[in-house]
PDB file of N, CA and C in Angstrom:
ATOM      1  N   MET A   1      64.422 103.579 121.310  1.00  0.00           N
ATOM      2  CA  MET A   1      65.239 102.368 121.296  1.00  0.00           C
ATOM      3  C   MET A   1      66.063 102.260 119.994  1.00  0.00           C
ATOM      4  N   MET A   2      65.400 102.496 118.878  1.00  0.00           N
ATOM      5  CA  MET A   2      66.112 102.404 117.603  1.00  0.00           C
ATOM      6  C   MET A   2      67.199 103.463 117.506  1.00  0.00           C
ATOM      7  N   LEU A   3      66.937 104.633 118.037  1.00  0.00           N
ATOM      8  CA  LEU A   3      67.927 105.699 118.022  1.00  0.00           C
ATOM      9  C   LEU A   3      69.159 105.311 118.840  1.00  0.00           C
ATOM     10  N   ALA A   4      68.935 104.677 119.978  1.00  0.00           N
ATOM     11  CA  ALA A   4      70.045 104.235 120.821  1.00  0.00           C
ATOM     12  C   ALA A   4      70.882 103.185 120.104  1.00  0.00           C
ATOM     13  N   CYS A   5      70.237 102.250 119.421  1.00  0.00           N
ATOM     14  CA  CYS A   5      70.970 101.210 118.674  1.00  0.00           C
ATOM     15  C   CYS A   5      71.779 101.835 117.542  1.00  0.00           C
ATOM     16  N   ALA A   6      71.176 102.803 116.846  1.00  0.00           N
ATOM     17  CA  ALA A   6      71.895 103.459 115.757  1.00  0.00           C
ATOM     18  C   ALA A   6      73.116 104.193 116.280  1.00  0.00           C
ATOM     19  N   ALA A   7      72.985 104.827 117.431  1.00  0.00           N
ATOM     20  CA  ALA A   7      74.116 105.545 118.017  1.00  0.00           C
ATOM     21  C   ALA A   7      75.229 104.582 118.403  1.00  0.00           C
ATOM     22  N   LEU A   8      74.851 103.444 118.953  1.00  0.00           N
ATOM     23  CA  LEU A   8      75.862 102.447 119.326  1.00  0.00           C
ATOM     24  C   LEU A   8      76.582 101.909 118.097  1.00  0.00           C
ATOM     25  N   LEU A   9      75.826 101.618 117.057  1.00  0.00           N
ATOM     26  CA  LEU A   9      76.438 101.086 115.842  1.00  0.00           C
ATOM     27  C   LEU A   9      77.340 102.114 115.169  1.00  0.00           C
ATOM     28  N   ALA A  10      76.982 103.364 115.235  1.00  0.00           N
ATOM     29  CA  ALA A  10      77.802 104.411 114.620  1.00  0.00           C
ATOM     30  C   ALA A  10      79.164 104.500 115.282  1.00  0.00           C
ATOM     31  N   GLY A  11      79.254 104.136 116.554  1.00  0.00           N
ATOM     32  CA  GLY A  11      80.518 104.195 117.270  1.00  0.00           C
ATOM     33  C   GLY A  11      81.408 102.992 117.045  1.00  0.00           C
ATOM     34  N   CYS A  12      80.861 101.957 116.439  1.00  0.00           N
ATOM     35  CA  CYS A  12      81.643 100.742 116.195  1.00  0.00           C
ATOM     36  C   CYS A  12      82.524 100.933 114.975  1.00  0.00           C
ATOM     37  N   LYS A  13      83.726 100.438 115.069  1.00  0.00           N
ATOM     38  CA  LYS A  13      84.624 100.490 113.925  1.00  0.00           C
ATOM     39  C   LYS A  13      85.127  99.079 113.666  1.00  0.00           C
ATOM     40  N   ASP A  14      84.742  98.544 112.533  1.00  0.00           N
ATOM     41  CA  ASP A  14      85.170  97.199 112.178  1.00  0.00           C
ATOM     42  C   ASP A  14      86.640  97.208 111.799  1.00  0.00           C
ATOM     43  N   ALA A  15      87.283  96.080 112.027  1.00  0.00           N
ATOM     44  CA  ALA A  15      88.652  95.917 111.563  1.00  0.00           C
ATOM     45  C   ALA A  15      88.636  95.935 110.039  1.00  0.00           C
ATOM     46  N   PRO A  16      89.682  96.456 109.402  1.00  0.00           N
ATOM     47  CA  PRO A  16      89.695  96.495 107.936  1.00  0.00           C
ATOM     48  C   PRO A  16      89.568  95.091 107.360  1.00  0.00           C
ATOM     49  N   ARG A  17      88.781  94.988 106.316  1.00  0.00           N
ATOM     50  CA  ARG A  17      88.612  93.697 105.645  1.00  0.00           C
ATOM     51  C   ARG A  17      89.645  93.544 104.545  1.00  0.00           C
ATOM     52  N   SER A  18      89.997  92.321 104.282  1.00  0.00           N
ATOM     53  CA  SER A  18      90.992  92.038 103.253  1.00  0.00           C
ATOM     54  C   SER A  18      90.333  91.857 101.899  1.00  0.00           C
ATOM     55  N   ILE A  19      90.937  92.437 100.877  1.00  0.00           N
ATOM     56  CA  ILE A  19      90.493  92.176  99.508  1.00  0.00           C
ATOM     57  C   ILE A  19      91.347  91.068  98.889  1.00  0.00           C
ATOM     58  N   VAL A  20      92.286  90.553  99.657  1.00  0.00           N
ATOM     59  CA  VAL A  20      93.175  89.497  99.180  1.00  0.00           C
ATOM     60  C   VAL A  20      92.654  88.161  99.707  1.00  0.00           C
ATOM     61  N   PRO A  21      92.263  87.255  98.820  1.00  0.00           N
ATOM     62  CA  PRO A  21      91.775  85.959  99.283  1.00  0.00           C
ATOM     63  C   PRO A  21      92.798  85.271 100.194  1.00  0.00           C
ATOM     64  N   GLY A  22      92.363  84.897 101.380  1.00  0.00           N
ATOM     65  CA  GLY A  22      93.245  84.219 102.329  1.00  0.00           C
ATOM     66  C   GLY A  22      94.152  85.128 103.114  1.00  0.00           C
ATOM     67  N   GLY A  23      94.066  86.427 102.897  1.00  0.00           N
ATOM     68  CA  GLY A  23      94.930  87.370 103.594  1.00  0.00           C
ATOM     69  C   GLY A  23      94.243  87.984 104.796  1.00  0.00           C
ATOM     70  N   GLU A  24      95.001  88.157 105.871  1.00  0.00           N
ATOM     71  CA  GLU A  24      94.497  88.790 107.081  1.00  0.00           C
ATOM     72  C   GLU A  24      95.309  90.062 107.342  1.00  0.00           C
ATOM     73  N   VAL A  25      94.602  91.172 107.465  1.00  0.00           N
ATOM     74  CA  VAL A  25      95.242  92.478 107.589  1.00  0.00           C
ATOM     75  C   VAL A  25      96.177  92.549 108.793  1.00  0.00           C
ATOM     76  N   GLN A  26      95.729  92.122 109.961  1.00  0.00           N
ATOM     77  CA  GLN A  26      96.567  92.224 111.170  1.00  0.00           C
ATOM     78  C   GLN A  26      97.802  91.332 111.074  1.00  0.00           C
ATOM     79  N   GLN A  27      97.654  90.169 110.482  1.00  0.00           N
ATOM     80  CA  GLN A  27      98.825  89.309 110.260  1.00  0.00           C
ATOM     81  C   GLN A  27      99.803  89.991 109.308  1.00  0.00           C
ATOM     82  N   GLY A  28      99.258  90.663 108.296  1.00  0.00           N
ATOM     83  CA  GLY A  28     100.112  91.374 107.350  1.00  0.00           C
ATOM     84  C   GLY A  28     100.892  92.491 108.010  1.00  0.00           C
ATOM     85  N   LEU A  29     100.246  93.243 108.886  1.00  0.00           N
ATOM     86  CA  LEU A  29     100.937  94.303 109.634  1.00  0.00           C
ATOM     87  C   LEU A  29     102.068  93.706 110.463  1.00  0.00           C
ATOM     88  N   ARG A  30     101.794  92.604 111.121  1.00  0.00           N
ATOM     89  CA  ARG A  30     102.827  91.938 111.923  1.00  0.00           C
ATOM     90  C   ARG A  30     104.004  91.508 111.047  1.00  0.00           C
ATOM     91  N   LEU A  31     103.704  90.956 109.875  1.00  0.00           N
ATOM     92  CA  LEU A  31     104.771  90.475 108.988  1.00  0.00           C
ATOM     93  C   LEU A  31     105.564  91.617 108.359  1.00  0.00           C
ATOM     94  N   VAL A  32     104.888  92.706 107.999  1.00  0.00           N
ATOM     95  CA  VAL A  32     105.591  93.870 107.458  1.00  0.00           C
ATOM     96  C   VAL A  32     106.585  94.392 108.489  1.00  0.00           C
ATOM     97  N   THR A  33     106.184  94.347 109.746  1.00  0.00           N
ATOM     98  CA  THR A  33     107.080  94.762 110.830  1.00  0.00           C
ATOM     99  C   THR A  33     108.206  93.742 111.008  1.00  0.00           C
ATOM    100  N   GLN A  34     107.851  92.467 111.043  1.00  0.00           N
ATOM    101  CA  GLN A  34     108.835  91.391 111.261  1.00  0.00           C
ATOM    102  C   GLN A  34     109.900  91.373 110.166  1.00  0.00           C
ATOM    103  N   TYR A  35     109.484  91.547 108.923  1.00  0.00           N
ATOM    104  CA  TYR A  35     110.436  91.509 107.810  1.00  0.00           C
ATOM    105  C   TYR A  35     111.144  92.848 107.588  1.00  0.00           C
ATOM    106  N   GLN A  36     110.854  93.817 108.443  1.00  0.00           N
ATOM    107  CA  GLN A  36     111.520  95.124 108.443  1.00  0.00           C
ATOM    108  C   GLN A  36     111.410  95.848 107.096  1.00  0.00           C
ATOM    109  N   CYS A  37     110.220  95.815 106.536  1.00  0.00           N
ATOM    110  CA  CYS A  37     109.982  96.518 105.274  1.00  0.00           C
ATOM    111  C   CYS A  37     110.221  98.014 105.422  1.00  0.00           C
ATOM    112  N   GLY A  38     110.050  98.521 106.640  1.00  0.00           N
ATOM    113  CA  GLY A  38     110.258  99.936 106.912  1.00  0.00           C
ATOM    114  C   GLY A  38     111.707 100.372 106.854  1.00  0.00           C
ATOM    115  N   ALA A  39     112.627  99.440 106.707  1.00  0.00           N
ATOM    116  CA  ALA A  39     114.035  99.823 106.526  1.00  0.00           C
ATOM    117  C   ALA A  39     114.223 100.508 105.173  1.00  0.00           C
ATOM    118  N   CYS A  40     113.383 100.152 104.202  1.00  0.00           N
ATOM    119  CA  CYS A  40     113.467 100.744 102.867  1.00  0.00           C
ATOM    120  C   CYS A  40     112.278 101.631 102.518  1.00  0.00           C
ATOM    121  N   HIS A  41     111.133 101.386 103.158  1.00  0.00           N
ATOM    122  CA  HIS A  41     109.898 102.097 102.815  1.00  0.00           C
ATOM    123  C   HIS A  41     109.344 102.854 104.006  1.00  0.00           C
ATOM    124  N   ALA A  42     108.763 104.022 103.753  1.00  0.00           N
ATOM    125  CA  ALA A  42     107.947 104.713 104.749  1.00  0.00           C
ATOM    126  C   ALA A  42     106.562 104.070 104.678  1.00  0.00           C
ATOM    127  N   ILE A  43     106.081 103.568 105.829  1.00  0.00           N
ATOM    128  CA  ILE A  43     104.807 102.850 105.854  1.00  0.00           C
ATOM    129  C   ILE A  43     103.975 103.358 107.025  1.00  0.00           C
ATOM    130  N   PRO A  44     102.856 104.022 106.754  1.00  0.00           N
ATOM    131  CA  PRO A  44     102.025 104.499 107.856  1.00  0.00           C
ATOM    132  C   PRO A  44     101.497 103.339 108.688  1.00  0.00           C
ATOM    133  N   GLY A  45     101.460 103.543 109.986  1.00  0.00           N
ATOM    134  CA  GLY A  45     100.950 102.521 110.887  1.00  0.00           C
ATOM    135  C   GLY A  45     101.985 101.507 111.328  1.00  0.00           C
ATOM    136  N   VAL A  46     103.194 101.611 110.798  1.00  0.00           N
ATOM    137  CA  VAL A  46     104.265 100.684 111.167  1.00  0.00           C
ATOM    138  C   VAL A  46     105.330 101.503 111.887  1.00  0.00           C
ATOM    139  N   GLN A  47     105.493 101.219 113.164  1.00  0.00           N
ATOM    140  CA  GLN A  47     106.426 101.983 113.985  1.00  0.00           C
ATOM    141  C   GLN A  47     107.845 101.893 113.435  1.00  0.00           C
ATOM    142  N   GLY A  48     108.484 103.040 113.264  1.00  0.00           N
ATOM    143  CA  GLY A  48     109.867 103.101 112.796  1.00  0.00           C
ATOM    144  C   GLY A  48     110.035 102.899 111.303  1.00  0.00           C
ATOM    145  N   ALA A  49     108.934 102.745 110.559  1.00  0.00           N
ATOM    146  CA  ALA A  49     109.035 102.512 109.116  1.00  0.00           C
ATOM    147  C   ALA A  49     109.141 103.840 108.394  1.00  0.00           C
ATOM    148  N   ALA A  50     110.371 104.308 108.254  1.00  0.00           N
ATOM    149  CA  ALA A  50     110.606 105.614 107.638  1.00  0.00           C
ATOM    150  C   ALA A  50     111.712 105.549 106.599  1.00  0.00           C
ATOM    151  N   GLY A  51     111.944 104.365 106.043  1.00  0.00           N
ATOM    152  CA  GLY A  51     113.005 104.201 105.059  1.00  0.00           C
ATOM    153  C   GLY A  51     112.767 105.047 103.823  1.00  0.00           C
ATOM    154  N   GLY A  52     113.840 105.431 103.187  1.00  0.00           N
ATOM    155  CA  GLY A  52     113.745 106.281 102.012  1.00  0.00           C
ATOM    156  C   GLY A  52     114.348 105.678 100.761  1.00  0.00           C
ATOM    157  N   ASP A  53     114.870 104.463 100.843  1.00  0.00           N
ATOM    158  CA  ASP A  53     115.475 103.848  99.657  1.00  0.00           C
ATOM    159  C   ASP A  53     114.419 103.380  98.660  1.00  0.00           C
ATOM    160  N   GLY A  54     113.292 102.890  99.168  1.00  0.00           N
ATOM    161  CA  GLY A  54     112.177 102.471  98.322  1.00  0.00           C
ATOM    162  C   GLY A  54     111.079 103.513  98.396  1.00  0.00           C
ATOM    163  N   PRO A  55     110.072 103.378  97.552  1.00  0.00           N
ATOM    164  CA  PRO A  55     108.990 104.363  97.577  1.00  0.00           C
ATOM    165  C   PRO A  55     108.170 104.276  98.866  1.00  0.00           C
ATOM    166  N   ALA A  56     107.589 105.407  99.253  1.00  0.00           N
ATOM    167  CA  ALA A  56     106.653 105.420 100.373  1.00  0.00           C
ATOM    168  C   ALA A  56     105.425 104.602  99.967  1.00  0.00           C
ATOM    169  N   LEU A  57     104.889 103.867 100.918  1.00  0.00           N
ATOM    170  CA  LEU A  57     103.764 102.984 100.619  1.00  0.00           C
ATOM    171  C   LEU A  57     102.442 103.516 101.151  1.00  0.00           C
ATOM    172  N   ASP A  58     102.395 104.808 101.451  1.00  0.00           N
ATOM    173  CA  ASP A  58     101.212 105.365 102.104  1.00  0.00           C
ATOM    174  C   ASP A  58      99.936 105.301 101.270  1.00  0.00           C
ATOM    175  N   HIS A  59     100.022 105.182  99.952  1.00  0.00           N
ATOM    176  CA  HIS A  59      98.833 105.113  99.110  1.00  0.00           C
ATOM    177  C   HIS A  59      98.849 103.897  98.190  1.00  0.00           C
ATOM    178  N   ILE A  60      99.632 102.893  98.502  1.00  0.00           N
ATOM    179  CA  ILE A  60      99.782 101.765  97.580  1.00  0.00           C
ATOM    180  C   ILE A  60      98.466 101.041  97.311  1.00  0.00           C
ATOM    181  N   GLY A  61      97.558 101.070  98.269  1.00  0.00           N
ATOM    182  CA  GLY A  61      96.283 100.389  98.087  1.00  0.00           C
ATOM    183  C   GLY A  61      95.379 101.007  97.045  1.00  0.00           C
ATOM    184  N   ARG A  62      95.639 102.236  96.652  1.00  0.00           N
ATOM    185  CA  ARG A  62      94.785 102.878  95.655  1.00  0.00           C
ATOM    186  C   ARG A  62      95.510 103.180  94.342  1.00  0.00           C
ATOM    187  N   LEU A  63      96.774 102.812  94.253  1.00  0.00           N
ATOM    188  CA  LEU A  63      97.513 103.043  93.007  1.00  0.00           C
ATOM    189  C   LEU A  63      97.032 102.093  91.907  1.00  0.00           C
ATOM    190  N   SER A  64      97.143 102.535  90.671  1.00  0.00           N
ATOM    191  CA  SER A  64      96.768 101.691  89.537  1.00  0.00           C
ATOM    192  C   SER A  64      97.836 100.645  89.234  1.00  0.00           C
ATOM    193  N   TYR A  65      99.097 101.016  89.543  1.00  0.00           N
ATOM    194  CA  TYR A  65     100.217 100.126  89.223  1.00  0.00           C
ATOM    195  C   TYR A  65     101.158 100.016  90.417  1.00  0.00           C
ATOM    196  N   ILE A  66     101.802  98.869  90.517  1.00  0.00           N
ATOM    197  CA  ILE A  66     102.870  98.683  91.498  1.00  0.00           C
ATOM    198  C   ILE A  66     104.171  98.530  90.714  1.00  0.00           C
ATOM    199  N   ALA A  67     105.249  98.941  91.332  1.00  0.00           N
ATOM    200  CA  ALA A  67     106.583  98.828  90.728  1.00  0.00           C
ATOM    201  C   ALA A  67     106.644  99.470  89.351  1.00  0.00           C
ATOM    202  N   GLY A  68     105.876 100.535  89.165  1.00  0.00           N
ATOM    203  CA  GLY A  68     105.971 101.321  87.948  1.00  0.00           C
ATOM    204  C   GLY A  68     105.320 100.758  86.715  1.00  0.00           C
ATOM    205  N   GLY A  69     104.543  99.704  86.790  1.00  0.00           N
ATOM    206  CA  GLY A  69     103.887  99.231  85.568  1.00  0.00           C
ATOM    207  C   GLY A  69     103.139  97.921  85.688  1.00  0.00           C
ATOM    208  N   ILE A  70     103.103  97.347  86.872  1.00  0.00           N
ATOM    209  CA  ILE A  70     102.400  96.084  87.072  1.00  0.00           C
ATOM    210  C   ILE A  70     101.001  96.423  87.582  1.00  0.00           C
ATOM    211  N   PRO A  71      99.931  95.975  86.881  1.00  0.00           N
ATOM    212  CA  PRO A  71      98.582  96.284  87.359  1.00  0.00           C
ATOM    213  C   PRO A  71      98.410  95.888  88.830  1.00  0.00           C
ATOM    214  N   ASN A  72      97.898  96.834  89.606  1.00  0.00           N
ATOM    215  CA  ASN A  72      97.763  96.633  91.053  1.00  0.00           C
ATOM    216  C   ASN A  72      96.526  95.800  91.349  1.00  0.00           C
ATOM    217  N   GLN A  73      96.716  94.502  91.300  1.00  0.00           N
ATOM    218  CA  GLN A  73      95.675  93.518  91.596  1.00  0.00           C
ATOM    219  C   GLN A  73      96.236  92.558  92.628  1.00  0.00           C
ATOM    220  N   PRO A  74      95.368  91.981  93.467  1.00  0.00           N
ATOM    221  CA  PRO A  74      95.875  91.119  94.544  1.00  0.00           C
ATOM    222  C   PRO A  74      96.849  90.031  94.100  1.00  0.00           C
ATOM    223  N   ALA A  75      96.552  89.307  93.042  1.00  0.00           N
ATOM    224  CA  ALA A  75      97.461  88.234  92.609  1.00  0.00           C
ATOM    225  C   ALA A  75      98.825  88.795  92.211  1.00  0.00           C
ATOM    226  N   ASN A  76      98.830  89.942  91.553  1.00  0.00           N
ATOM    227  CA  ASN A  76     100.101  90.571  91.163  1.00  0.00           C
ATOM    228  C   ASN A  76     100.873  91.058  92.374  1.00  0.00           C
ATOM    229  N   MET A  77     100.173  91.621  93.352  1.00  0.00           N
ATOM    230  CA  MET A  77     100.838  92.100  94.569  1.00  0.00           C
ATOM    231  C   MET A  77     101.486  90.928  95.311  1.00  0.00           C
ATOM    232  N   VAL A  78     100.761  89.830  95.436  1.00  0.00           N
ATOM    233  CA  VAL A  78     101.306  88.661  96.133  1.00  0.00           C
ATOM    234  C   VAL A  78     102.545  88.157  95.401  1.00  0.00           C
ATOM    235  N   ARG A  79     102.459  88.053  94.103  1.00  0.00           N
ATOM    236  CA  ARG A  79     103.627  87.576  93.316  1.00  0.00           C
ATOM    237  C   ARG A  79     104.795  88.551  93.443  1.00  0.00           C
ATOM    238  N   TRP A  80     104.519  89.859  93.386  1.00  0.00           N
ATOM    239  CA  TRP A  80     105.557  90.877  93.533  1.00  0.00           C
ATOM    240  C   TRP A  80     106.265  90.727  94.870  1.00  0.00           C
ATOM    241  N   LEU A  81     105.506  90.533  95.928  1.00  0.00           N
ATOM    242  CA  LEU A  81     106.106  90.395  97.251  1.00  0.00           C
ATOM    243  C   LEU A  81     106.939  89.121  97.365  1.00  0.00           C
ATOM    244  N   ARG A  82     106.507  88.056  96.707  1.00  0.00           N
ATOM    245  CA  ARG A  82     107.233  86.782  96.796  1.00  0.00           C
ATOM    246  C   ARG A  82     108.478  86.758  95.930  1.00  0.00           C
ATOM    247  N   VAL A  83     108.354  87.141  94.671  1.00  0.00           N
ATOM    248  CA  VAL A  83     109.467  87.005  93.715  1.00  0.00           C
ATOM    249  C   VAL A  83     109.602  88.268  92.867  1.00  0.00           C
ATOM    250  N   PRO A  84     110.028  89.363  93.480  1.00  0.00           N
ATOM    251  CA  PRO A  84     110.060  90.631  92.749  1.00  0.00           C
ATOM    252  C   PRO A  84     110.890  90.595  91.467  1.00  0.00           C
ATOM    253  N   HIS A  85     111.999  89.852  91.446  1.00  0.00           N
ATOM    254  CA  HIS A  85     112.851  89.821  90.252  1.00  0.00           C
ATOM    255  C   HIS A  85     112.205  89.062  89.100  1.00  0.00           C
ATOM    256  N   ALA A  86     111.312  88.130  89.408  1.00  0.00           N
ATOM    257  CA  ALA A  86     110.589  87.418  88.352  1.00  0.00           C
ATOM    258  C   ALA A  86     109.518  88.312  87.727  1.00  0.00           C
ATOM    259  N   VAL A  87     109.007  89.241  88.523  1.00  0.00           N
ATOM    260  CA  VAL A  87     107.964  90.150  88.044  1.00  0.00           C
ATOM    261  C   VAL A  87     108.575  91.336  87.303  1.00  0.00           C
ATOM    262  N   LYS A  88     109.667  91.859  87.832  1.00  0.00           N
ATOM    263  CA  LYS A  88     110.332  93.019  87.223  1.00  0.00           C
ATOM    264  C   LYS A  88     111.841  92.814  87.313  1.00  0.00           C
ATOM    265  N   PRO A  89     112.431  92.207  86.292  1.00  0.00           N
ATOM    266  CA  PRO A  89     113.875  91.979  86.313  1.00  0.00           C
ATOM    267  C   PRO A  89     114.639  93.285  86.535  1.00  0.00           C
ATOM    268  N   GLY A  90     115.664  93.208  87.364  1.00  0.00           N
ATOM    269  CA  GLY A  90     116.501  94.364  87.639  1.00  0.00           C
ATOM    270  C   GLY A  90     116.007  95.241  88.776  1.00  0.00           C
ATOM    271  N   THR A  91     114.881  94.897  89.377  1.00  0.00           N
ATOM    272  CA  THR A  91     114.366  95.700  90.476  1.00  0.00           C
ATOM    273  C   THR A  91     115.318  95.665  91.668  1.00  0.00           C
ATOM    274  N   GLU A  92     115.286  96.714  92.456  1.00  0.00           N
ATOM    275  CA  GLU A  92     116.089  96.744  93.675  1.00  0.00           C
ATOM    276  C   GLU A  92     115.366  96.099  94.851  1.00  0.00           C
ATOM    277  N   MET A  93     114.100  95.758  94.670  1.00  0.00           N
ATOM    278  CA  MET A  93     113.334  95.095  95.725  1.00  0.00           C
ATOM    279  C   MET A  93     113.926  93.704  95.944  1.00  0.00           C
ATOM    280  N   PRO A  94     114.404  93.435  97.150  1.00  0.00           N
ATOM    281  CA  PRO A  94     115.038  92.128  97.388  1.00  0.00           C
ATOM    282  C   PRO A  94     114.002  91.039  97.643  1.00  0.00           C
ATOM    283  N   PRO A  95     114.323  89.810  97.253  1.00  0.00           N
ATOM    284  CA  PRO A  95     113.445  88.700  97.625  1.00  0.00           C
ATOM    285  C   PRO A  95     113.585  88.459  99.128  1.00  0.00           C
ATOM    286  N   MET A  96     112.473  88.351  99.806  1.00  0.00           N
ATOM    287  CA  MET A  96     112.494  88.199 101.268  1.00  0.00           C
ATOM    288  C   MET A  96     112.283  86.760 101.711  1.00  0.00           C
ATOM    289  N   GLY A  97     112.069  85.860 100.773  1.00  0.00           N
ATOM    290  CA  GLY A  97     111.838  84.466 101.134  1.00  0.00           C
ATOM    291  C   GLY A  97     110.459  84.233 101.736  1.00  0.00           C
ATOM    292  N   LEU A  98     109.485  85.029 101.314  1.00  0.00           N
ATOM    293  CA  LEU A  98     108.132  84.909 101.855  1.00  0.00           C
ATOM    294  C   LEU A  98     107.436  83.666 101.329  1.00  0.00           C
ATOM    295  N   THR A  99     106.618  83.082 102.168  1.00  0.00           N
ATOM    296  CA  THR A  99     105.731  82.018 101.701  1.00  0.00           C
ATOM    297  C   THR A  99     104.556  82.685 100.991  1.00  0.00           C
ATOM    298  N   ASP A 100     103.791  81.911 100.260  1.00  0.00           N
ATOM    299  CA  ASP A 100     102.611  82.450  99.598  1.00  0.00           C
ATOM    300  C   ASP A 100     101.648  83.036 100.629  1.00  0.00           C
ATOM    301  N   GLN A 101     101.454  82.349 101.739  1.00  0.00           N
ATOM    302  CA  GLN A 101     100.536  82.824 102.764  1.00  0.00           C
ATOM    303  C   GLN A 101     101.031  84.118 103.413  1.00  0.00           C
ATOM    304  N   GLU A 102     102.316  84.208 103.689  1.00  0.00           N
ATOM    305  CA  GLU A 102     102.860  85.451 104.242  1.00  0.00           C
ATOM    306  C   GLU A 102     102.635  86.617 103.275  1.00  0.00           C
ATOM    307  N   ALA A 103     102.874  86.379 101.991  1.00  0.00           N
ATOM    308  CA  ALA A 103     102.683  87.429 100.996  1.00  0.00           C
ATOM    309  C   ALA A 103     101.214  87.829 100.911  1.00  0.00           C
ATOM    310  N   ARG A 104     100.299  86.890 101.064  1.00  0.00           N
ATOM    311  CA  ARG A 104      98.862  87.211 101.062  1.00  0.00           C
ATOM    312  C   ARG A 104      98.500  88.119 102.234  1.00  0.00           C
ATOM    313  N   HIS A 105      99.020  87.780 103.405  1.00  0.00           N
ATOM    314  CA  HIS A 105      98.757  88.607 104.583  1.00  0.00           C
ATOM    315  C   HIS A 105      99.346  90.015 104.399  1.00  0.00           C
ATOM    316  N   MET A 106     100.560  90.080 103.911  1.00  0.00           N
ATOM    317  CA  MET A 106     101.208  91.381 103.724  1.00  0.00           C
ATOM    318  C   MET A 106     100.462  92.210 102.684  1.00  0.00           C
ATOM    319  N   ALA A 107     100.040  91.583 101.597  1.00  0.00           N
ATOM    320  CA  ALA A 107      99.266  92.295 100.577  1.00  0.00           C
ATOM    321  C   ALA A 107      97.950  92.798 101.170  1.00  0.00           C
ATOM    322  N   ALA A 108      97.316  91.980 101.998  1.00  0.00           N
ATOM    323  CA  ALA A 108      96.060  92.400 102.639  1.00  0.00           C
ATOM    324  C   ALA A 108      96.276  93.684 103.432  1.00  0.00           C
ATOM    325  N   PHE A 109      97.365  93.752 104.167  1.00  0.00           N
ATOM    326  CA  PHE A 109      97.679  94.976 104.921  1.00  0.00           C
ATOM    327  C   PHE A 109      97.954  96.137 103.973  1.00  0.00           C
ATOM    328  N   LEU A 110      98.781  95.914 102.962  1.00  0.00           N
ATOM    329  CA  LEU A 110      99.159  96.995 102.051  1.00  0.00           C
ATOM    330  C   LEU A 110      97.946  97.602 101.356  1.00  0.00           C
ATOM    331  N   TYR A 111      96.939  96.805 101.057  1.00  0.00           N
ATOM    332  CA  TYR A 111      95.749  97.331 100.409  1.00  0.00           C
ATOM    333  C   TYR A 111      94.908  98.206 101.322  1.00  0.00           C
ATOM    334  N   THR A 112      95.194  98.209 102.605  1.00  0.00           N
ATOM    335  CA  THR A 112      94.478  99.132 103.508  1.00  0.00           C
ATOM    336  C   THR A 112      95.088 100.525 103.476  1.00  0.00           C
ATOM    337  N   LEU A 113      96.251 100.657 102.880  1.00  0.00           N
ATOM    338  CA  LEU A 113      96.950 101.948 102.814  1.00  0.00           C
ATOM    339  C   LEU A 113      96.435 102.741 101.612  1.00  0.00           C
ATOM    340  N   ARG A 114      95.503 103.619 101.891  1.00  0.00           N
ATOM    341  CA  ARG A 114      94.814 104.345 100.836  1.00  0.00           C
ATOM    342  C   ARG A 114      94.931 105.816 101.056  1.00  0.00           C
TER     343      ARG A 114
END
């Protein structure tokens, strides 16, 4: 009996958990698609996201820094997504008009890209 339960549990795959307080990974995936982030970035798991103007985001969840020098921490990622020019003046990353909650969801998704 215990062996059967262990086999069943081994086949289960939980949805990725968010390390961003208040962020939901699936909502973030939806928003990354809705805001067409893939027009500038290559993003695994996002259909048609093969842009080359911005950096590929395939490992952003494990990088030490975002945007070339900002410590990669959830609060910084959320702020970067909301107001990139306030975080790094002169950046080519455009402000998308995200709400704080939208940025939390998007950051939650981005942190799954490892």
